């Protein structure tokens, strides 16, 4: 059984930073990347960034330079450092991991960017 728990969200002013963490328990499939997604109410969940077991990272073009994803394989953790936050970054952020070829989601953590 895989369980993902995200934390680190909160309220931050525009221009501020937050670091999200995701703790994964269970057997994580190293063939697949771990990822962060985000979702605004009424909209589809969208990919933010992925990181492979070997450390290869990919970002949505619009977020390059502001967000940084990292992974600690030994601890089964994935992180998302978010800088220069904008109001449009407000969303629930989810991490995703795979086990046995199946994708698993955490419960999400709310990020609100507002003055």
C-alpha atoms as a PDB file:
ATOM      1  CA  UNK A   1       0.000   0.000   0.000  1.00  0.00           C
ATOM      2  CA  UNK A   2       1.426   3.373  -1.046  1.00  0.00           C
ATOM      3  CA  UNK A   3       0.606   6.503   0.888  1.00  0.00           C
ATOM      4  CA  UNK A   4       1.629  10.016  -0.067  1.00  0.00           C
ATOM      5  CA  UNK A   5       1.402  12.929   2.337  1.00  0.00           C
ATOM      6  CA  UNK A   6       2.034  16.478   1.190  1.00  0.00           C
ATOM      7  CA  UNK A   7       2.795  19.344   3.533  1.00  0.00           C
ATOM      8  CA  UNK A   8       4.272  22.810   3.545  1.00  0.00           C
ATOM      9  CA  UNK A   9       1.446  24.731   1.915  1.00  0.00           C
ATOM     10  CA  UNK A  10      -0.034  27.894   3.306  1.00  0.00           C
ATOM     11  CA  UNK A  11      -0.679  31.561   2.726  1.00  0.00           C
ATOM     12  CA  UNK A  12       2.142  33.608   1.248  1.00  0.00           C
ATOM     13  CA  UNK A  13       2.371  37.112  -0.169  1.00  0.00           C
ATOM     14  CA  UNK A  14       3.129  37.671  -3.852  1.00  0.00           C
ATOM     15  CA  UNK A  15       6.855  37.404  -4.429  1.00  0.00           C
ATOM     16  CA  UNK A  16       7.297  35.050  -1.508  1.00  0.00           C
ATOM     17  CA  UNK A  17       8.502  31.471  -1.373  1.00  0.00           C
ATOM     18  CA  UNK A  18       7.248  28.141  -0.113  1.00  0.00           C
ATOM     19  CA  UNK A  19       8.764  24.690   0.000  1.00  0.00           C
ATOM     20  CA  UNK A  20       6.399  21.770  -0.369  1.00  0.00           C
ATOM     21  CA  UNK A  21       7.318  18.293   0.774  1.00  0.00           C
ATOM     22  CA  UNK A  22       5.793  14.940  -0.035  1.00  0.00           C
ATOM     23  CA  UNK A  23       6.504  11.870   2.054  1.00  0.00           C
ATOM     24  CA  UNK A  24       5.906   8.538   0.352  1.00  0.00           C
ATOM     25  CA  UNK A  25       5.512   5.274   2.207  1.00  0.00           C
ATOM     26  CA  UNK A  26       5.350   1.850   0.630  1.00  0.00           C
ATOM     27  CA  UNK A  27       7.137   0.489  -2.396  1.00  0.00           C
ATOM     28  CA  UNK A  28       7.778   3.253  -4.915  1.00  0.00           C
ATOM     29  CA  UNK A  29       8.331   2.133  -8.494  1.00  0.00           C
ATOM     30  CA  UNK A  30      11.682   3.568  -9.554  1.00  0.00           C
ATOM     31  CA  UNK A  31      10.817   3.133 -13.252  1.00  0.00           C
ATOM     32  CA  UNK A  32       8.541   6.135 -13.055  1.00  0.00           C
ATOM     33  CA  UNK A  33       9.190   9.723 -12.073  1.00  0.00           C
ATOM     34  CA  UNK A  34       7.657  11.343  -9.044  1.00  0.00           C
ATOM     35  CA  UNK A  35       5.722  14.479  -9.816  1.00  0.00           C
ATOM     36  CA  UNK A  36       3.959  17.551  -8.550  1.00  0.00           C
ATOM     37  CA  UNK A  37       0.627  18.638  -9.983  1.00  0.00           C
ATOM     38  CA  UNK A  38      -1.703  21.457  -9.080  1.00  0.00           C
ATOM     39  CA  UNK A  39      -5.402  22.067  -9.392  1.00  0.00           C
ATOM     40  CA  UNK A  40      -7.615  25.104  -9.192  1.00  0.00           C
ATOM     41  CA  UNK A  41     -11.296  24.494  -8.402  1.00  0.00           C
ATOM     42  CA  UNK A  42     -13.241  23.999 -11.600  1.00  0.00           C
ATOM     43  CA  UNK A  43     -10.133  23.319 -13.646  1.00  0.00           C
ATOM     44  CA  UNK A  44      -8.225  20.209 -14.616  1.00  0.00           C
ATOM     45  CA  UNK A  45      -5.282  19.074 -12.579  1.00  0.00           C
ATOM     46  CA  UNK A  46      -2.130  20.206 -14.345  1.00  0.00           C
ATOM     47  CA  UNK A  47       1.421  18.949 -14.268  1.00  0.00           C
ATOM     48  CA  UNK A  48       3.974  21.174 -12.564  1.00  0.00           C
ATOM     49  CA  UNK A  49       7.198  19.154 -12.618  1.00  0.00           C
ATOM     50  CA  UNK A  50       8.617  15.646 -12.622  1.00  0.00           C
ATOM     51  CA  UNK A  51      11.814  14.103 -11.307  1.00  0.00           C
ATOM     52  CA  UNK A  52      13.149  10.668 -12.157  1.00  0.00           C
ATOM     53  CA  UNK A  53      14.950   8.304  -9.824  1.00  0.00           C
ATOM     54  CA  UNK A  54      18.178   9.382 -11.467  1.00  0.00           C
ATOM     55  CA  UNK A  55      17.430  13.060 -10.932  1.00  0.00           C
ATOM     56  CA  UNK A  56      16.286  14.087 -14.397  1.00  0.00           C
ATOM     57  CA  UNK A  57      13.829  16.940 -14.012  1.00  0.00           C
ATOM     58  CA  UNK A  58      11.190  18.403 -16.273  1.00  0.00           C
ATOM     59  CA  UNK A  59       9.048  21.477 -15.768  1.00  0.00           C
ATOM     60  CA  UNK A  60       6.065  23.064 -17.354  1.00  0.00           C
ATOM     61  CA  UNK A  61       7.596  25.819 -19.491  1.00  0.00           C
ATOM     62  CA  UNK A  62       5.664  28.568 -17.767  1.00  0.00           C
ATOM     63  CA  UNK A  63       7.146  27.645 -14.366  1.00  0.00           C
ATOM     64  CA  UNK A  64      10.779  27.205 -15.337  1.00  0.00           C
ATOM     65  CA  UNK A  65      13.080  29.402 -13.321  1.00  0.00           C
ATOM     66  CA  UNK A  66      10.666  29.840 -10.400  1.00  0.00           C
ATOM     67  CA  UNK A  67       9.990  26.265  -9.273  1.00  0.00           C
ATOM     68  CA  UNK A  68      12.531  23.581  -8.457  1.00  0.00           C
ATOM     69  CA  UNK A  69      11.722  19.920  -7.913  1.00  0.00           C
ATOM     70  CA  UNK A  70      14.013  17.590  -6.018  1.00  0.00           C
ATOM     71  CA  UNK A  71      13.883  14.010  -4.843  1.00  0.00           C
ATOM     72  CA  UNK A  72      15.498  12.070  -2.029  1.00  0.00           C
ATOM     73  CA  UNK A  73      15.309   8.409  -2.995  1.00  0.00           C
ATOM     74  CA  UNK A  74      16.653   7.153   0.312  1.00  0.00           C
ATOM     75  CA  UNK A  75      13.887   8.928   2.218  1.00  0.00           C
ATOM     76  CA  UNK A  76      11.153   8.494  -0.435  1.00  0.00           C
ATOM     77  CA  UNK A  77      10.638  12.239  -0.421  1.00  0.00           C
ATOM     78  CA  UNK A  78       9.954  14.719  -3.182  1.00  0.00           C
ATOM     79  CA  UNK A  79      10.132  18.481  -2.750  1.00  0.00           C
ATOM     80  CA  UNK A  80       8.956  21.528  -4.627  1.00  0.00           C
ATOM     81  CA  UNK A  81      10.690  24.826  -3.970  1.00  0.00           C
ATOM     82  CA  UNK A  82       8.511  27.663  -5.213  1.00  0.00           C
ATOM     83  CA  UNK A  83       9.943  31.164  -5.508  1.00  0.00           C
ATOM     84  CA  UNK A  84       8.599  34.484  -6.748  1.00  0.00           C
ATOM     85  CA  UNK A  85       5.088  33.229  -6.178  1.00  0.00           C
ATOM     86  CA  UNK A  86       2.215  34.868  -8.002  1.00  0.00           C
ATOM     87  CA  UNK A  87      -1.511  34.932  -7.231  1.00  0.00           C
ATOM     88  CA  UNK A  88      -2.077  32.645 -10.196  1.00  0.00           C
ATOM     89  CA  UNK A  89       0.000  29.980  -8.440  1.00  0.00           C
ATOM     90  CA  UNK A  90      -2.827  29.605  -5.946  1.00  0.00           C
ATOM     91  CA  UNK A  91      -4.003  26.000  -6.098  1.00  0.00           C
ATOM     92  CA  UNK A  92      -4.031  22.687  -4.310  1.00  0.00           C
ATOM     93  CA  UNK A  93      -0.715  20.989  -4.950  1.00  0.00           C
ATOM     94  CA  UNK A  94      -0.542  17.209  -5.219  1.00  0.00           C
ATOM     95  CA  UNK A  95       2.328  14.791  -5.476  1.00  0.00           C
ATOM     96  CA  UNK A  96       2.154  11.617  -7.508  1.00  0.00           C
ATOM     97  CA  UNK A  97       4.174   8.430  -7.391  1.00  0.00           C
ATOM     98  CA  UNK A  98       3.912   4.988  -8.908  1.00  0.00           C
ATOM     99  CA  UNK A  99       3.960   1.532  -7.432  1.00  0.00           C
ATOM    100  CA  UNK A 100       3.609  -1.602  -9.495  1.00  0.00           C
ATOM    101  CA  UNK A 101       2.817   0.530 -12.508  1.00  0.00           C
ATOM    102  CA  UNK A 102      -0.140   2.236 -10.817  1.00  0.00           C
ATOM    103  CA  UNK A 103      -0.239   5.934 -10.020  1.00  0.00           C
ATOM    104  CA  UNK A 104      -1.001   7.165  -6.506  1.00  0.00           C
ATOM    105  CA  UNK A 105      -1.910  10.644  -5.301  1.00  0.00           C
ATOM    106  CA  UNK A 106      -1.609  12.405  -2.022  1.00  0.00           C
ATOM    107  CA  UNK A 107      -4.435  14.389  -0.466  1.00  0.00           C
ATOM    108  CA  UNK A 108      -2.970  17.710  -1.549  1.00  0.00           C
ATOM    109  CA  UNK A 109      -1.798  20.836   0.210  1.00  0.00           C
ATOM    110  CA  UNK A 110      -3.319  24.265  -0.338  1.00  0.00           C
ATOM    111  CA  UNK A 111      -1.106  27.102  -1.529  1.00  0.00           C
ATOM    112  CA  UNK A 112      -2.637  30.560  -1.472  1.00  0.00           C
ATOM    113  CA  UNK A 113      -0.740  33.547  -2.830  1.00  0.00           C
ATOM    114  CA  UNK A 114      -2.390  36.751  -1.747  1.00  0.00           C
ATOM    115  CA  UNK A 115      -1.621  40.096  -0.160  1.00  0.00           C
END
